[in-house]
Amino acid sequence: MDTDKNTSSEETKVTRRDFLYLTTGSFTAVGVGAVAWPFIVQMNPDASVKALASTEVDLSPIMPGQSISILWRGKPVFIRRRTPEEITEAQAVKEADLPDPETDEARVQKPEWLVMVGVCTHLGCIPLGNKGEYNGWFCPCHGSHYDTSGRIRKGPAPKNLEVPKYVFLDDNTIKIG
């Protein structure tokens, strides 16, 4: 009989010890989580940054051949309503002739509308519209020439002008970002 009492007593001690370890570990984990949570949450962007993440643009006042510039995420974005001649010219360019090969169709969602970030890919200057040898954009700082699709054609810029993510909300409105 004595051996049964000792065995059950030892089992009780082990069970109590395991319970204490489990409880201590749980409280420690909850404590660490409670301390770490504010540090993790503070890394999220605040409301003003989230508000700048996207912008809607009304396209209805833009006539064929006109461009507008808007500010998005601190960068200029060029939106151009291209003429049929500009569209034909951009689509006729062979990819083999381009330093950064990309078709016009890959750069636009609707051929009439060209949306791109207006920052030169060489050193971050702002190109001028309707200038240069290809009637597109010209960066006067270092002489980069872009065509009517925003593709680099001549000069030191290594890449085409960036096309941001955008969607057409309807025929006259786009959402950038």
N, C-alpha and C. Protein backbone atom coordinates (compact mmCIF):
# COMPACT_ATOMS: atom_id res chain seq x y z
N MET A 1 0.80 -1.19 0.00
CA MET A 1 0.00 0.00 0.00
C MET A 1 0.84 1.25 0.00
N ASP A 2 1.94 1.19 0.75
CA ASP A 2 2.79 2.36 0.83
C ASP A 2 3.36 2.73 -0.54
N THR A 3 3.65 1.73 -1.36
CA THR A 3 4.22 2.01 -2.66
C THR A 3 3.19 2.72 -3.56
N ASP A 4 1.93 2.40 -3.39
CA ASP A 4 0.90 3.07 -4.20
C ASP A 4 0.79 4.54 -3.83
N LYS A 5 0.87 4.86 -2.52
CA LYS A 5 0.78 6.25 -2.09
C LYS A 5 1.97 7.05 -2.62
N ASN A 6 3.17 6.47 -2.58
CA ASN A 6 4.35 7.17 -3.06
C ASN A 6 4.27 7.41 -4.57
N THR A 7 3.77 6.45 -5.28
CA THR A 7 3.65 6.59 -6.72
C THR A 7 2.66 7.67 -7.07
N SER A 8 1.50 7.69 -6.44
CA SER A 8 0.50 8.70 -6.75
C SER A 8 0.97 10.08 -6.29
N SER A 9 1.71 10.14 -5.18
CA SER A 9 2.25 11.41 -4.70
C SER A 9 3.27 11.98 -5.69
N GLU A 10 4.14 11.12 -6.24
CA GLU A 10 5.11 11.56 -7.24
C GLU A 10 4.41 12.02 -8.51
N GLU A 11 3.38 11.33 -8.93
CA GLU A 11 2.62 11.73 -10.11
C GLU A 11 1.97 13.09 -9.90
N THR A 12 1.46 13.34 -8.70
CA THR A 12 0.84 14.61 -8.40
C THR A 12 1.86 15.73 -8.48
N LYS A 13 3.06 15.51 -7.94
CA LYS A 13 4.10 16.52 -7.99
C LYS A 13 4.50 16.83 -9.43
N VAL A 14 4.63 15.82 -10.24
CA VAL A 14 4.99 16.02 -11.64
C VAL A 14 3.88 16.78 -12.35
N THR A 15 2.67 16.45 -12.11
CA THR A 15 1.54 17.12 -12.75
C THR A 15 1.47 18.58 -12.31
N ARG A 16 1.68 18.84 -11.03
CA ARG A 16 1.67 20.22 -10.54
C ARG A 16 2.82 21.02 -11.13
N ARG A 17 3.99 20.40 -11.21
CA ARG A 17 5.15 21.08 -11.78
C ARG A 17 4.90 21.41 -13.25
N ASP A 18 4.37 20.45 -14.00
CA ASP A 18 4.05 20.71 -15.40
C ASP A 18 3.04 21.85 -15.53
N PHE A 19 2.05 21.87 -14.67
CA PHE A 19 1.05 22.93 -14.69
C PHE A 19 1.71 24.30 -14.44
N LEU A 20 2.63 24.34 -13.48
CA LEU A 20 3.30 25.60 -13.18
C LEU A 20 4.18 26.06 -14.35
N TYR A 21 4.89 25.13 -14.98
CA TYR A 21 5.69 25.49 -16.15
C TYR A 21 4.81 26.03 -17.28
N LEU A 22 3.71 25.35 -17.52
CA LEU A 22 2.79 25.76 -18.59
C LEU A 22 2.19 27.13 -18.29
N THR A 23 1.78 27.34 -17.05
CA THR A 23 1.20 28.62 -16.66
C THR A 23 2.23 29.74 -16.76
N THR A 24 3.43 29.50 -16.27
CA THR A 24 4.50 30.50 -16.33
C THR A 24 4.83 30.84 -17.79
N GLY A 25 4.93 29.85 -18.62
CA GLY A 25 5.21 30.07 -20.04
C GLY A 25 4.11 30.86 -20.72
N SER A 26 2.85 30.55 -20.39
CA SER A 26 1.72 31.26 -20.99
C SER A 26 1.73 32.73 -20.59
N PHE A 27 1.92 33.00 -19.29
CA PHE A 27 1.97 34.39 -18.84
C PHE A 27 3.14 35.15 -19.47
N THR A 28 4.26 34.48 -19.63
CA THR A 28 5.42 35.11 -20.26
C THR A 28 5.12 35.46 -21.72
N ALA A 29 4.51 34.52 -22.44
CA ALA A 29 4.17 34.77 -23.84
C ALA A 29 3.19 35.93 -23.98
N VAL A 30 2.17 35.97 -23.12
CA VAL A 30 1.19 37.06 -23.16
C VAL A 30 1.89 38.38 -22.82
N GLY A 31 2.77 38.38 -21.85
CA GLY A 31 3.50 39.59 -21.48
C GLY A 31 4.38 40.11 -22.59
N VAL A 32 5.11 39.21 -23.24
CA VAL A 32 5.96 39.60 -24.36
C VAL A 32 5.10 40.16 -25.50
N GLY A 33 3.98 39.51 -25.78
CA GLY A 33 3.07 40.00 -26.82
C GLY A 33 2.52 41.38 -26.49
N ALA A 34 2.15 41.60 -25.21
CA ALA A 34 1.61 42.89 -24.79
C ALA A 34 2.66 43.99 -24.91
N VAL A 35 3.90 43.68 -24.65
CA VAL A 35 4.97 44.68 -24.78
C VAL A 35 5.32 44.91 -26.25
N ALA A 36 5.35 43.86 -27.05
CA ALA A 36 5.76 43.98 -28.45
C ALA A 36 4.67 44.60 -29.33
N TRP A 37 3.41 44.44 -29.00
CA TRP A 37 2.31 44.91 -29.85
C TRP A 37 2.41 46.40 -30.19
N PRO A 38 2.61 47.30 -29.24
CA PRO A 38 2.71 48.72 -29.61
C PRO A 38 3.86 49.02 -30.58
N PHE A 39 4.98 48.31 -30.44
CA PHE A 39 6.09 48.51 -31.34
C PHE A 39 5.75 48.04 -32.76
N ILE A 40 5.02 46.97 -32.87
CA ILE A 40 4.63 46.45 -34.18
C ILE A 40 3.60 47.38 -34.82
N VAL A 41 2.62 47.82 -34.07
CA VAL A 41 1.56 48.68 -34.60
C VAL A 41 2.12 50.02 -35.05
N GLN A 42 3.10 50.57 -34.35
CA GLN A 42 3.63 51.88 -34.72
C GLN A 42 4.36 51.85 -36.07
N MET A 43 4.68 50.68 -36.59
CA MET A 43 5.33 50.59 -37.89
C MET A 43 4.34 50.69 -39.05
N ASN A 44 3.05 50.61 -38.80
CA ASN A 44 2.05 50.77 -39.84
C ASN A 44 2.01 52.22 -40.30
N PRO A 45 1.70 52.46 -41.58
CA PRO A 45 1.61 53.85 -42.04
C PRO A 45 0.41 54.55 -41.40
N ASP A 46 0.55 55.86 -41.18
CA ASP A 46 -0.56 56.59 -40.58
C ASP A 46 -1.58 56.96 -41.66
N ALA A 47 -2.66 57.58 -41.25
CA ALA A 47 -3.77 57.86 -42.16
C ALA A 47 -3.37 58.80 -43.30
N SER A 48 -2.48 59.76 -43.03
CA SER A 48 -2.09 60.69 -44.09
C SER A 48 -1.31 59.98 -45.20
N VAL A 49 -0.50 59.01 -44.84
CA VAL A 49 0.25 58.24 -45.84
C VAL A 49 -0.70 57.35 -46.64
N LYS A 50 -1.64 56.73 -45.95
CA LYS A 50 -2.61 55.89 -46.65
C LYS A 50 -3.45 56.70 -47.62
N ALA A 51 -3.78 57.93 -47.25
CA ALA A 51 -4.57 58.79 -48.13
C ALA A 51 -3.82 59.13 -49.41
N LEU A 52 -2.50 59.23 -49.34
CA LEU A 52 -1.70 59.54 -50.52
C LEU A 52 -1.42 58.32 -51.38
N ALA A 53 -1.78 57.14 -50.92
CA ALA A 53 -1.46 55.91 -51.63
C ALA A 53 -2.17 55.81 -52.97
N SER A 54 -3.33 56.43 -53.10
CA SER A 54 -4.04 56.41 -54.37
C SER A 54 -4.74 57.74 -54.59
N THR A 55 -5.00 58.04 -55.85
CA THR A 55 -5.70 59.27 -56.20
C THR A 55 -6.56 59.02 -57.42
N GLU A 56 -7.69 59.69 -57.47
CA GLU A 56 -8.58 59.60 -58.63
C GLU A 56 -8.44 60.85 -59.47
N VAL A 57 -8.47 60.67 -60.79
CA VAL A 57 -8.29 61.78 -61.71
C VAL A 57 -9.43 61.78 -62.71
N ASP A 58 -10.05 62.96 -62.89
CA ASP A 58 -11.10 63.14 -63.88
C ASP A 58 -10.43 63.45 -65.22
N LEU A 59 -10.68 62.62 -66.22
CA LEU A 59 -10.04 62.76 -67.52
C LEU A 59 -10.86 63.57 -68.52
N SER A 60 -12.11 63.88 -68.18
CA SER A 60 -13.00 64.52 -69.15
C SER A 60 -12.52 65.87 -69.68
N PRO A 61 -11.83 66.72 -68.90
CA PRO A 61 -11.40 68.00 -69.49
C PRO A 61 -10.19 67.91 -70.42
N ILE A 62 -9.54 66.77 -70.50
CA ILE A 62 -8.32 66.64 -71.31
C ILE A 62 -8.70 66.37 -72.76
N MET A 63 -8.25 67.24 -73.64
CA MET A 63 -8.53 67.10 -75.07
C MET A 63 -7.43 66.28 -75.74
N PRO A 64 -7.70 65.67 -76.90
CA PRO A 64 -6.65 64.93 -77.61
C PRO A 64 -5.43 65.83 -77.88
N GLY A 65 -4.26 65.29 -77.56
CA GLY A 65 -3.02 66.04 -77.73
C GLY A 65 -2.60 66.80 -76.49
N GLN A 66 -3.44 66.82 -75.46
CA GLN A 66 -3.12 67.53 -74.22
C GLN A 66 -2.57 66.58 -73.17
N SER A 67 -1.78 67.16 -72.27
CA SER A 67 -1.24 66.42 -71.12
C SER A 67 -1.53 67.20 -69.86
N ILE A 68 -1.67 66.48 -68.76
CA ILE A 68 -1.74 67.11 -67.45
C ILE A 68 -0.71 66.44 -66.55
N SER A 69 -0.34 67.14 -65.51
CA SER A 69 0.56 66.58 -64.50
C SER A 69 -0.16 66.65 -63.16
N ILE A 70 -0.11 65.56 -62.43
CA ILE A 70 -0.66 65.54 -61.09
C ILE A 70 0.43 65.06 -60.15
N LEU A 71 0.24 65.28 -58.87
CA LEU A 71 1.21 64.82 -57.89
C LEU A 71 0.66 63.59 -57.19
N TRP A 72 1.43 62.52 -57.18
CA TRP A 72 1.03 61.26 -56.54
C TRP A 72 2.25 60.71 -55.82
N ARG A 73 2.11 60.49 -54.52
CA ARG A 73 3.21 60.00 -53.69
C ARG A 73 4.46 60.88 -53.80
N GLY A 74 4.24 62.16 -53.96
CA GLY A 74 5.34 63.10 -54.05
C GLY A 74 6.04 63.13 -55.39
N LYS A 75 5.50 62.45 -56.39
CA LYS A 75 6.10 62.41 -57.72
C LYS A 75 5.10 62.95 -58.73
N PRO A 76 5.61 63.59 -59.80
CA PRO A 76 4.69 64.01 -60.85
C PRO A 76 4.26 62.81 -61.69
N VAL A 77 3.01 62.79 -62.07
CA VAL A 77 2.49 61.77 -62.97
C VAL A 77 1.95 62.49 -64.19
N PHE A 78 2.41 62.07 -65.37
CA PHE A 78 1.95 62.65 -66.63
C PHE A 78 0.80 61.80 -67.15
N ILE A 79 -0.29 62.46 -67.49
CA ILE A 79 -1.43 61.79 -68.12
C ILE A 79 -1.65 62.49 -69.46
N ARG A 80 -1.53 61.75 -70.53
CA ARG A 80 -1.64 62.33 -71.86
C ARG A 80 -2.75 61.62 -72.64
N ARG A 81 -3.59 62.43 -73.24
CA ARG A 81 -4.60 61.91 -74.17
C ARG A 81 -3.98 61.99 -75.55
N ARG A 82 -3.58 60.86 -76.06
CA ARG A 82 -2.83 60.83 -77.31
C ARG A 82 -3.74 60.95 -78.52
N THR A 83 -3.20 61.57 -79.55
CA THR A 83 -3.91 61.70 -80.82
C THR A 83 -3.78 60.38 -81.58
N PRO A 84 -4.62 60.14 -82.57
CA PRO A 84 -4.46 58.92 -83.38
C PRO A 84 -3.07 58.82 -84.03
N GLU A 85 -2.50 59.96 -84.42
CA GLU A 85 -1.17 59.94 -85.02
C GLU A 85 -0.11 59.50 -84.00
N GLU A 86 -0.22 59.98 -82.78
CA GLU A 86 0.73 59.59 -81.74
C GLU A 86 0.61 58.11 -81.42
N ILE A 87 -0.59 57.60 -81.41
CA ILE A 87 -0.81 56.17 -81.13
C ILE A 87 -0.19 55.33 -82.24
N THR A 88 -0.44 55.71 -83.49
CA THR A 88 0.11 54.98 -84.63
C THR A 88 1.63 55.01 -84.61
N GLU A 89 2.19 56.18 -84.32
CA GLU A 89 3.64 56.34 -84.26
C GLU A 89 4.24 55.46 -83.17
N ALA A 90 3.62 55.42 -82.00
CA ALA A 90 4.12 54.63 -80.88
C ALA A 90 4.01 53.13 -81.17
N GLN A 91 2.94 52.71 -81.81
CA GLN A 91 2.76 51.29 -82.10
C GLN A 91 3.63 50.80 -83.24
N ALA A 92 4.11 51.72 -84.08
CA ALA A 92 4.92 51.33 -85.24
C ALA A 92 6.38 51.07 -84.88
N VAL A 93 6.82 51.47 -83.71
CA VAL A 93 8.22 51.31 -83.32
C VAL A 93 8.51 49.83 -83.06
N LYS A 94 9.64 49.35 -83.62
CA LYS A 94 10.04 47.97 -83.40
C LYS A 94 10.76 47.85 -82.07
N GLU A 95 10.47 46.80 -81.33
CA GLU A 95 11.11 46.59 -80.03
C GLU A 95 12.62 46.49 -80.14
N ALA A 96 13.12 45.97 -81.24
CA ALA A 96 14.57 45.82 -81.43
C ALA A 96 15.28 47.18 -81.49
N ASP A 97 14.55 48.23 -81.82
CA ASP A 97 15.14 49.57 -81.92
C ASP A 97 15.19 50.29 -80.57
N LEU A 98 14.67 49.67 -79.51
CA LEU A 98 14.57 50.33 -78.21
C LEU A 98 15.64 49.86 -77.24
N PRO A 99 16.26 50.79 -76.50
CA PRO A 99 17.24 50.39 -75.47
C PRO A 99 16.60 49.56 -74.35
N ASP A 100 15.35 49.89 -73.99
CA ASP A 100 14.60 49.13 -72.98
C ASP A 100 13.33 48.63 -73.68
N PRO A 101 13.40 47.47 -74.35
CA PRO A 101 12.30 47.01 -75.20
C PRO A 101 10.99 46.81 -74.44
N GLU A 102 9.95 47.47 -74.95
CA GLU A 102 8.61 47.33 -74.40
C GLU A 102 7.63 47.84 -75.45
N THR A 103 6.59 47.06 -75.71
CA THR A 103 5.62 47.48 -76.71
C THR A 103 4.73 48.58 -76.14
N ASP A 104 4.14 49.34 -77.05
CA ASP A 104 3.20 50.38 -76.63
C ASP A 104 1.99 49.75 -75.95
N GLU A 105 1.54 48.62 -76.45
CA GLU A 105 0.38 47.93 -75.89
C GLU A 105 0.61 47.50 -74.44
N ALA A 106 1.86 47.20 -74.09
CA ALA A 106 2.18 46.79 -72.72
C ALA A 106 2.20 47.97 -71.75
N ARG A 107 2.29 49.18 -72.29
CA ARG A 107 2.41 50.39 -71.46
C ARG A 107 1.08 51.10 -71.24
N VAL A 108 0.06 50.77 -71.99
CA VAL A 108 -1.23 51.46 -71.87
C VAL A 108 -2.36 50.45 -71.71
N GLN A 109 -3.42 50.88 -71.04
CA GLN A 109 -4.62 50.03 -70.94
C GLN A 109 -5.59 50.37 -72.06
N LYS A 110 -5.67 51.65 -72.40
CA LYS A 110 -6.45 52.12 -73.54
C LYS A 110 -5.49 52.94 -74.38
N PRO A 111 -5.40 52.67 -75.69
CA PRO A 111 -4.39 53.35 -76.52
C PRO A 111 -4.44 54.88 -76.43
N GLU A 112 -5.60 55.43 -76.21
CA GLU A 112 -5.76 56.88 -76.18
C GLU A 112 -5.09 57.52 -74.95
N TRP A 113 -4.97 56.76 -73.86
CA TRP A 113 -4.49 57.33 -72.60
C TRP A 113 -3.13 56.75 -72.21
N LEU A 114 -2.18 57.65 -71.98
CA LEU A 114 -0.85 57.27 -71.49
C LEU A 114 -0.69 57.84 -70.09
N VAL A 115 -0.40 56.97 -69.12
CA VAL A 115 -0.21 57.38 -67.72
C VAL A 115 1.17 56.89 -67.30
N MET A 116 2.01 57.83 -66.83
CA MET A 116 3.36 57.43 -66.43
C MET A 116 3.93 58.40 -65.41
N VAL A 117 4.84 57.90 -64.60
CA VAL A 117 5.52 58.72 -63.60
C VAL A 117 6.50 59.62 -64.35
N GLY A 118 6.43 60.92 -64.10
CA GLY A 118 7.24 61.89 -64.82
C GLY A 118 8.59 62.15 -64.19
N VAL A 119 9.35 61.09 -63.96
CA VAL A 119 10.70 61.22 -63.39
C VAL A 119 11.66 60.48 -64.30
N CYS A 120 12.66 61.21 -64.80
CA CYS A 120 13.66 60.62 -65.70
C CYS A 120 14.37 59.48 -64.98
N THR A 121 14.57 58.41 -65.69
CA THR A 121 15.19 57.22 -65.08
C THR A 121 16.71 57.32 -65.04
N HIS A 122 17.27 58.41 -65.48
CA HIS A 122 18.72 58.59 -65.40
C HIS A 122 19.11 59.12 -64.03
N LEU A 123 18.71 60.36 -63.73
CA LEU A 123 19.08 60.94 -62.43
C LEU A 123 17.89 61.60 -61.72
N GLY A 124 16.68 61.29 -62.13
CA GLY A 124 15.50 61.77 -61.41
C GLY A 124 15.03 63.16 -61.75
N CYS A 125 15.41 63.69 -62.90
CA CYS A 125 14.94 65.00 -63.33
C CYS A 125 13.49 64.88 -63.83
N ILE A 126 12.86 66.01 -64.11
CA ILE A 126 11.49 66.03 -64.64
C ILE A 126 11.57 66.35 -66.13
N PRO A 127 11.23 65.40 -67.01
CA PRO A 127 11.28 65.67 -68.45
C PRO A 127 10.21 66.67 -68.89
N LEU A 128 10.49 67.36 -69.98
CA LEU A 128 9.55 68.32 -70.57
C LEU A 128 8.71 67.61 -71.62
N GLY A 129 7.41 67.90 -71.66
CA GLY A 129 6.51 67.26 -72.61
C GLY A 129 6.52 67.92 -73.97
N ASN A 130 6.16 67.14 -74.99
CA ASN A 130 6.10 67.59 -76.39
C ASN A 130 7.43 68.17 -76.86
N LYS A 131 8.51 67.57 -76.43
CA LYS A 131 9.85 68.03 -76.79
C LYS A 131 10.68 66.84 -77.24
N GLY A 132 11.84 67.13 -77.76
CA GLY A 132 12.78 66.09 -78.13
C GLY A 132 12.60 65.60 -79.55
N GLU A 133 13.47 64.71 -79.95
CA GLU A 133 13.48 64.21 -81.32
C GLU A 133 12.31 63.30 -81.65
N TYR A 134 11.59 62.81 -80.65
CA TYR A 134 10.52 61.84 -80.90
C TYR A 134 9.16 62.39 -80.51
N ASN A 135 9.06 63.71 -80.32
CA ASN A 135 7.81 64.41 -79.98
C ASN A 135 7.15 63.87 -78.72
N GLY A 136 7.95 63.34 -77.83
CA GLY A 136 7.42 62.82 -76.58
C GLY A 136 7.88 63.69 -75.42
N TRP A 137 8.89 63.21 -74.70
CA TRP A 137 9.42 63.95 -73.55
C TRP A 137 10.92 64.05 -73.70
N PHE A 138 11.47 65.15 -73.19
CA PHE A 138 12.89 65.41 -73.27
C PHE A 138 13.37 65.88 -71.91
N CYS A 139 14.44 65.26 -71.42
CA CYS A 139 15.04 65.65 -70.14
C CYS A 139 16.21 66.58 -70.46
N PRO A 140 16.05 67.89 -70.18
CA PRO A 140 17.10 68.84 -70.55
C PRO A 140 18.37 68.73 -69.71
N CYS A 141 18.30 68.07 -68.58
CA CYS A 141 19.48 67.97 -67.70
C CYS A 141 20.61 67.17 -68.34
N HIS A 142 20.27 66.04 -68.95
CA HIS A 142 21.31 65.16 -69.49
C HIS A 142 21.00 64.68 -70.91
N GLY A 143 19.91 65.15 -71.49
CA GLY A 143 19.63 64.88 -72.90
C GLY A 143 18.94 63.57 -73.22
N SER A 144 18.13 63.05 -72.32
CA SER A 144 17.40 61.81 -72.63
C SER A 144 16.14 62.16 -73.42
N HIS A 145 15.89 61.38 -74.48
CA HIS A 145 14.71 61.57 -75.33
C HIS A 145 13.77 60.38 -75.15
N TYR A 146 12.50 60.66 -74.91
CA TYR A 146 11.47 59.62 -74.77
C TYR A 146 10.45 59.82 -75.88
N ASP A 147 9.87 58.72 -76.37
CA ASP A 147 8.89 58.83 -77.45
C ASP A 147 7.48 59.06 -76.91
N THR A 148 6.48 58.97 -77.79
CA THR A 148 5.09 59.25 -77.41
C THR A 148 4.47 58.16 -76.54
N SER A 149 5.26 57.15 -76.22
CA SER A 149 4.82 56.11 -75.29
C SER A 149 5.65 56.14 -74.00
N GLY A 150 6.54 57.13 -73.88
CA GLY A 150 7.37 57.25 -72.69
C GLY A 150 8.53 56.28 -72.65
N ARG A 151 8.89 55.74 -73.81
CA ARG A 151 10.03 54.80 -73.87
C ARG A 151 11.30 55.56 -74.20
N ILE A 152 12.40 55.17 -73.56
CA ILE A 152 13.67 55.82 -73.83
C ILE A 152 14.10 55.48 -75.25
N ARG A 153 14.52 56.52 -75.98
CA ARG A 153 14.94 56.31 -77.37
C ARG A 153 16.39 56.75 -77.57
N LYS A 154 16.82 57.77 -76.80
CA LYS A 154 18.17 58.30 -77.01
C LYS A 154 18.59 58.99 -75.72
N GLY A 155 19.87 58.86 -75.38
CA GLY A 155 20.39 59.53 -74.20
C GLY A 155 20.83 58.55 -73.13
N PRO A 156 21.25 59.09 -71.98
CA PRO A 156 21.83 58.24 -70.94
C PRO A 156 20.83 57.48 -70.06
N ALA A 157 19.55 57.80 -70.14
CA ALA A 157 18.56 57.12 -69.28
C ALA A 157 18.54 55.62 -69.62
N PRO A 158 18.60 54.75 -68.61
CA PRO A 158 18.66 53.32 -68.87
C PRO A 158 17.30 52.64 -69.09
N LYS A 159 16.23 53.26 -68.60
CA LYS A 159 14.91 52.60 -68.66
C LYS A 159 13.85 53.56 -69.15
N ASN A 160 12.71 52.99 -69.53
CA ASN A 160 11.54 53.76 -69.92
C ASN A 160 10.96 54.47 -68.70
N LEU A 161 10.16 55.51 -68.94
CA LEU A 161 9.47 56.15 -67.83
C LEU A 161 8.52 55.13 -67.22
N GLU A 162 8.44 55.11 -65.91
CA GLU A 162 7.65 54.11 -65.18
C GLU A 162 6.16 54.32 -65.38
N VAL A 163 5.44 53.23 -65.55
CA VAL A 163 3.98 53.26 -65.62
C VAL A 163 3.45 52.79 -64.27
N PRO A 164 2.73 53.67 -63.55
CA PRO A 164 2.21 53.26 -62.24
C PRO A 164 1.01 52.34 -62.40
N LYS A 165 0.64 51.67 -61.32
CA LYS A 165 -0.57 50.85 -61.35
C LYS A 165 -1.77 51.80 -61.35
N TYR A 166 -2.68 51.57 -62.28
CA TYR A 166 -3.88 52.39 -62.35
C TYR A 166 -5.01 51.57 -62.95
N VAL A 167 -6.23 51.99 -62.66
CA VAL A 167 -7.42 51.34 -63.22
C VAL A 167 -8.40 52.41 -63.68
N PHE A 168 -9.15 52.08 -64.70
CA PHE A 168 -10.22 52.96 -65.16
C PHE A 168 -11.46 52.65 -64.33
N LEU A 169 -11.95 53.64 -63.59
CA LEU A 169 -13.18 53.46 -62.82
C LEU A 169 -14.40 53.59 -63.73
N ASP A 170 -14.29 54.45 -64.72
CA ASP A 170 -15.27 54.58 -65.80
C ASP A 170 -14.54 55.19 -66.98
N ASP A 171 -15.26 55.62 -68.00
CA ASP A 171 -14.61 56.15 -69.19
C ASP A 171 -13.86 57.45 -68.93
N ASN A 172 -14.24 58.19 -67.90
CA ASN A 172 -13.64 59.51 -67.64
C ASN A 172 -12.88 59.62 -66.34
N THR A 173 -12.67 58.52 -65.62
CA THR A 173 -12.01 58.57 -64.32
C THR A 173 -11.02 57.41 -64.18
N ILE A 174 -9.82 57.74 -63.71
CA ILE A 174 -8.86 56.68 -63.39
C ILE A 174 -8.46 56.81 -61.94
N LYS A 175 -8.07 55.68 -61.36
CA LYS A 175 -7.54 55.65 -60.00
C LYS A 175 -6.12 55.16 -60.08
N ILE A 176 -5.20 56.01 -59.64
CA ILE A 176 -3.77 55.69 -59.67
C ILE A 176 -3.38 55.19 -58.29
N GLY A 177 -2.69 54.07 -58.25
CA GLY A 177 -2.23 53.51 -56.98
C GLY A 177 -3.06 52.38 -56.47
